[in-house]
């Protein structure tokens, strides 16, 4: 498996590749700011749909065009396609913790403006990157953005359909996702048909994906999951206090670095 350093530029690589696409509506300009690079990266999906004439809803129905697009421009699938040399398995790639889910909540509190990702707000976010409120939040997210598309934040899901399901119940964050993977949880069905099978398959997956560090003493039990906010665990970002959001962000960066180090020894 590739080391952390060899995949850390994957965002920039995807932007550079898109700049060479014949059918594109804009040409990405790579920034020295990793937050801005993520904003530019997020624009690619919207641009590809518009220029190539895809219906937004049908485009995401696992069509051949979408799968080809993912292994080129969705960095999690791109990474696993390079590592595994398997474009089908790569479709199960996902990020451990979403950048935009926590970013938009912190930005709303700092600016009073709620940005919806599906509205493609990224040109505005780029234009306002140094405005009061925006700059302070962007500065907080610089390190997370620089690590976002790295092996430390990537994982291979047991089933592709788990991607959408985990967002609905966990906002794409690993602590709550793991909680819901145990028998009785909203994601348990992806690990088997009964409690015994679910727990066995989940345990194997946790070890395979290097998530043992998410459990006290590496004991894979639901009650042993390390919580990012000890006094207010597993609640949605909207219900966290400002200090809890900061704590969550700091622990996210720490966890990504830990998993990056573990991956480098594979």
Protein backbone atom coordinates (compact mmCIF):
# COMPACT_ATOMS: atom_id res chain seq x y z
CA UNK A 1 0.00 0.00 0.00
CA UNK A 2 1.19 3.52 -0.71
CA UNK A 3 2.64 5.62 2.06
CA UNK A 4 0.99 8.77 3.40
CA UNK A 5 3.37 11.07 1.57
CA UNK A 6 2.64 9.44 -1.79
CA UNK A 7 -1.11 10.07 -1.56
CA UNK A 8 -1.24 13.39 0.25
CA UNK A 9 -1.29 15.32 -3.05
CA UNK A 10 -4.24 13.38 -4.44
CA UNK A 11 -6.51 16.46 -4.37
CA UNK A 12 -4.01 18.40 -6.45
CA UNK A 13 -3.57 15.43 -8.80
CA UNK A 14 -7.32 15.26 -9.42
CA UNK A 15 -7.45 19.01 -10.10
CA UNK A 16 -4.54 18.76 -12.52
CA UNK A 17 -6.21 15.89 -14.38
CA UNK A 18 -9.49 17.79 -14.65
CA UNK A 19 -7.66 20.78 -16.09
CA UNK A 20 -6.77 18.49 -19.03
CA UNK A 21 -10.34 17.27 -19.63
CA UNK A 22 -11.66 18.18 -23.07
CA UNK A 23 -15.27 18.41 -21.86
CA UNK A 24 -15.03 20.88 -19.01
CA UNK A 25 -16.61 24.22 -18.22
CA UNK A 26 -13.81 25.58 -16.08
CA UNK A 27 -10.09 25.01 -15.65
CA UNK A 28 -9.02 24.42 -12.04
CA UNK A 29 -6.17 26.56 -10.81
CA UNK A 30 -4.33 24.83 -7.99
CA UNK A 31 -3.99 26.98 -4.88
CA UNK A 32 -1.40 26.95 -2.13
CA UNK A 33 -4.32 26.92 0.31
CA UNK A 34 -5.65 23.36 0.87
CA UNK A 35 -9.10 24.66 1.88
CA UNK A 36 -9.45 26.50 -1.43
CA UNK A 37 -8.26 23.41 -3.30
CA UNK A 38 -11.10 21.45 -1.69
CA UNK A 39 -13.61 24.09 -2.77
CA UNK A 40 -12.30 23.85 -6.34
CA UNK A 41 -12.40 20.06 -6.14
CA UNK A 42 -16.05 20.13 -5.03
CA UNK A 43 -16.91 22.16 -8.15
CA UNK A 44 -15.78 19.39 -10.47
CA UNK A 45 -18.88 17.22 -9.98
CA UNK A 46 -21.24 20.09 -10.75
CA UNK A 47 -19.23 21.12 -13.80
CA UNK A 48 -19.03 17.59 -15.19
CA UNK A 49 -22.80 17.13 -14.98
CA UNK A 50 -23.54 20.47 -16.63
CA UNK A 51 -21.03 20.22 -19.47
CA UNK A 52 -21.77 16.59 -20.31
CA UNK A 53 -25.53 16.97 -20.08
CA UNK A 54 -26.24 14.51 -17.31
CA UNK A 55 -29.45 14.64 -15.32
CA UNK A 56 -28.28 15.10 -11.73
CA UNK A 57 -30.52 12.41 -10.28
CA UNK A 58 -29.84 9.80 -12.99
CA UNK A 59 -26.12 10.54 -13.02
CA UNK A 60 -25.83 9.16 -9.50
CA UNK A 61 -27.65 5.89 -10.17
CA UNK A 62 -24.38 3.95 -10.46
CA UNK A 63 -24.24 4.41 -14.22
CA UNK A 64 -21.12 3.45 -16.15
CA UNK A 65 -20.41 7.14 -16.71
CA UNK A 66 -20.62 7.87 -13.00
CA UNK A 67 -18.33 4.98 -12.07
CA UNK A 68 -15.72 6.15 -14.57
CA UNK A 69 -16.07 9.66 -13.21
CA UNK A 70 -15.62 8.47 -9.61
CA UNK A 71 -12.37 6.61 -10.16
CA UNK A 72 -10.94 9.72 -11.82
CA UNK A 73 -12.35 12.55 -9.73
CA UNK A 74 -13.76 11.24 -6.43
CA UNK A 75 -10.54 11.04 -4.50
CA UNK A 76 -11.54 8.15 -2.24
CA UNK A 77 -12.44 5.95 -5.24
CA UNK A 78 -9.41 7.26 -7.14
CA UNK A 79 -7.12 6.26 -4.29
CA UNK A 80 -8.47 2.73 -3.98
CA UNK A 81 -8.43 2.24 -7.75
CA UNK A 82 -4.72 3.09 -7.71
CA UNK A 83 -3.97 0.94 -4.66
CA UNK A 84 -6.10 -2.09 -5.55
CA UNK A 85 -6.09 -1.76 -9.33
CA UNK A 86 -9.79 -2.65 -9.16
CA UNK A 87 -12.31 -0.05 -10.33
CA UNK A 88 -15.27 -2.07 -8.97
CA UNK A 89 -13.89 -2.41 -5.44
CA UNK A 90 -12.83 1.24 -5.57
CA UNK A 91 -16.49 2.27 -5.70
CA UNK A 92 -16.69 1.25 -2.02
CA UNK A 93 -14.18 3.95 -1.09
CA UNK A 94 -15.32 6.62 1.35
CA UNK A 95 -13.91 9.29 3.66
CA UNK A 96 -13.76 8.50 7.37
CA UNK A 97 -14.90 12.00 8.37
CA UNK A 98 -16.49 14.51 6.02
CA UNK A 99 -14.88 17.93 5.69
CA UNK A 100 -17.93 19.85 4.57
CA UNK A 101 -20.41 18.58 7.17
CA UNK A 102 -18.58 20.14 10.13
CA UNK A 103 -17.20 23.05 8.08
CA UNK A 104 -20.62 24.35 7.08
CA UNK A 105 -21.84 24.29 10.71
CA UNK A 106 -18.83 26.23 11.99
CA UNK A 107 -19.10 28.70 9.10
CA UNK A 108 -22.80 29.30 9.78
CA UNK A 109 -22.01 30.20 13.38
CA UNK A 110 -19.18 32.52 12.34
CA UNK A 111 -20.99 34.32 9.49
CA UNK A 112 -24.71 33.71 10.01
CA UNK A 113 -24.92 32.26 6.47
CA UNK A 114 -26.04 28.67 5.84
CA UNK A 115 -24.39 27.14 2.79
CA UNK A 116 -25.92 24.07 1.17
CA UNK A 117 -23.43 21.91 -0.71
CA UNK A 118 -25.95 20.90 -3.38
CA UNK A 119 -26.35 24.58 -4.31
CA UNK A 120 -22.70 24.68 -5.41
CA UNK A 121 -21.68 27.65 -3.22
CA UNK A 122 -17.96 27.23 -3.79
CA UNK A 123 -17.27 30.23 -6.03
CA UNK A 124 -18.77 32.43 -3.31
CA UNK A 125 -16.78 30.68 -0.59
CA UNK A 126 -13.58 31.18 -2.59
CA UNK A 127 -14.38 34.85 -3.20
CA UNK A 128 -15.09 35.44 0.51
CA UNK A 129 -12.20 33.36 1.84
CA UNK A 130 -10.53 36.36 3.50
CA UNK A 131 -13.69 38.09 4.75
CA UNK A 132 -14.34 38.35 8.51
CA UNK A 133 -15.65 35.07 9.85
CA UNK A 134 -14.72 33.15 6.72
CA UNK A 135 -10.98 33.56 7.20
CA UNK A 136 -11.11 32.55 10.86
CA UNK A 137 -12.97 29.34 10.03
CA UNK A 138 -10.79 28.57 7.01
CA UNK A 139 -7.68 28.94 9.16
CA UNK A 140 -9.08 26.40 11.63
CA UNK A 141 -9.60 23.90 8.81
CA UNK A 142 -6.25 24.27 7.02
CA UNK A 143 -4.65 21.17 8.55
CA UNK A 144 -7.77 19.02 8.14
CA UNK A 145 -8.01 20.09 4.49
CA UNK A 146 -4.36 19.20 3.90
CA UNK A 147 -4.97 15.70 5.29
CA UNK A 148 -8.47 15.19 3.96
CA UNK A 149 -7.59 13.19 0.85
CA UNK A 150 -4.99 10.92 2.43
CA UNK A 151 -4.94 7.27 3.39
CA UNK A 152 -5.52 8.29 7.01
CA UNK A 153 -9.00 9.58 6.14
CA UNK A 154 -9.94 6.93 3.57
CA UNK A 155 -11.74 3.66 4.24
CA UNK A 156 -13.17 0.85 2.15
CA UNK A 157 -16.79 0.16 3.08
CA UNK A 158 -18.08 -3.43 3.20
CA UNK A 159 -20.88 -2.48 0.80
CA UNK A 160 -21.21 0.47 -1.53
CA UNK A 161 -24.78 1.19 -0.43
CA UNK A 162 -23.48 1.94 3.07
CA UNK A 163 -22.15 5.29 1.80
CA UNK A 164 -25.51 7.05 1.63
CA UNK A 165 -26.87 5.22 4.68
CA UNK A 166 -24.04 6.35 6.94
CA UNK A 167 -24.49 10.00 5.96
CA UNK A 168 -28.15 9.84 6.93
CA UNK A 169 -27.42 8.51 10.41
CA UNK A 170 -23.98 9.93 11.19
CA UNK A 171 -23.20 12.96 8.98
CA UNK A 172 -20.26 10.89 7.65
CA UNK A 173 -18.31 10.81 10.92
CA UNK A 174 -16.57 7.68 12.07
CA UNK A 175 -17.46 7.73 15.78
CA UNK A 176 -21.21 7.71 15.17
CA UNK A 177 -20.81 5.42 12.15
CA UNK A 178 -19.08 2.77 14.27
CA UNK A 179 -21.77 3.09 16.93
CA UNK A 180 -24.45 2.37 14.31
CA UNK A 181 -22.49 -0.60 12.87
CA UNK A 182 -22.98 -2.76 15.95
CA UNK A 183 -25.96 -5.14 16.18
CA UNK A 184 -29.13 -3.10 16.66
CA UNK A 185 -27.62 -0.07 14.90
CA UNK A 186 -28.78 1.55 11.68
CA UNK A 187 -25.77 0.26 9.72
CA UNK A 188 -25.64 -3.26 11.18
CA UNK A 189 -27.43 -4.76 8.16
CA UNK A 190 -24.31 -4.19 6.05
CA UNK A 191 -22.41 -6.70 8.17
CA UNK A 192 -24.77 -9.68 8.12
CA UNK A 193 -28.24 -11.05 8.78
CA UNK A 194 -27.99 -11.75 12.52
CA UNK A 195 -26.23 -10.37 15.59
CA UNK A 196 -23.48 -13.01 15.63
CA UNK A 197 -22.57 -12.55 11.97
CA UNK A 198 -22.77 -8.77 12.23
CA UNK A 199 -20.39 -8.65 15.17
CA UNK A 200 -17.92 -11.08 13.57
CA UNK A 201 -17.86 -9.23 10.26
CA UNK A 202 -17.71 -5.83 11.94
CA UNK A 203 -14.75 -6.92 14.07
CA UNK A 204 -12.91 -8.14 10.99
CA UNK A 205 -13.67 -4.89 9.13
CA UNK A 206 -12.54 -2.70 12.05
CA UNK A 207 -9.18 -4.48 12.12
CA UNK A 208 -8.81 -4.41 8.35
CA UNK A 209 -9.51 -0.66 8.21
CA UNK A 210 -7.24 0.14 11.19
CA UNK A 211 -10.05 1.41 13.41
CA UNK A 212 -8.94 -0.46 16.54
CA UNK A 213 -7.50 2.83 17.75
CA UNK A 214 -11.11 4.06 18.01
CA UNK A 215 -11.76 1.65 20.89
CA UNK A 216 -10.56 1.76 24.50
CA UNK A 217 -7.75 -0.79 24.89
CA UNK A 218 -8.47 -1.82 21.27
CA UNK A 219 -11.43 -3.89 22.55
CA UNK A 220 -14.04 -3.80 19.82
CA UNK A 221 -17.20 -3.24 21.82
CA UNK A 222 -19.88 -0.63 21.33
CA UNK A 223 -19.43 0.76 24.83
CA UNK A 224 -15.68 1.12 24.22
CA UNK A 225 -15.88 3.55 21.30
CA UNK A 226 -13.78 6.65 21.95
CA UNK A 227 -16.10 9.64 21.80
CA UNK A 228 -14.89 12.88 20.26
CA UNK A 229 -16.96 14.82 22.79
CA UNK A 230 -16.99 13.02 26.13
CA UNK A 231 -19.76 15.06 27.75
CA UNK A 232 -22.00 15.14 24.68
CA UNK A 233 -21.25 12.04 22.59
CA UNK A 234 -22.69 11.14 19.20
CA UNK A 235 -24.95 14.22 18.86
CA UNK A 236 -25.23 16.03 15.54
CA UNK A 237 -22.93 18.95 14.84
CA UNK A 238 -25.83 21.40 15.23
CA UNK A 239 -26.21 20.36 18.88
CA UNK A 240 -22.55 20.73 19.78
CA UNK A 241 -21.26 23.79 21.62
CA UNK A 242 -18.60 25.86 19.87
CA UNK A 243 -15.86 24.38 22.05
CA UNK A 244 -17.11 20.89 21.25
CA UNK A 245 -16.87 21.58 17.53
CA UNK A 246 -13.28 22.73 18.02
CA UNK A 247 -12.56 19.62 20.07
CA UNK A 248 -14.08 17.39 17.40
CA UNK A 249 -11.98 19.03 14.69
CA UNK A 250 -8.77 18.65 16.68
CA UNK A 251 -9.44 14.98 17.42
CA UNK A 252 -10.28 14.40 13.76
CA UNK A 253 -6.86 15.66 12.70
CA UNK A 254 -5.19 13.54 15.38
CA UNK A 255 -7.04 10.40 14.29
CA UNK A 256 -6.18 10.92 10.62
CA UNK A 257 -2.51 11.30 11.50
CA UNK A 258 -2.62 8.12 13.58
CA UNK A 259 -4.19 6.08 10.79
CA UNK A 260 -1.81 7.61 8.24
CA UNK A 261 1.10 6.36 10.33
CA UNK A 262 -0.42 2.90 10.65
CA UNK A 263 -1.05 2.71 6.91
CA UNK A 264 2.54 3.62 6.15
CA UNK A 265 3.71 0.41 7.82
CA UNK A 266 1.48 -1.88 5.78
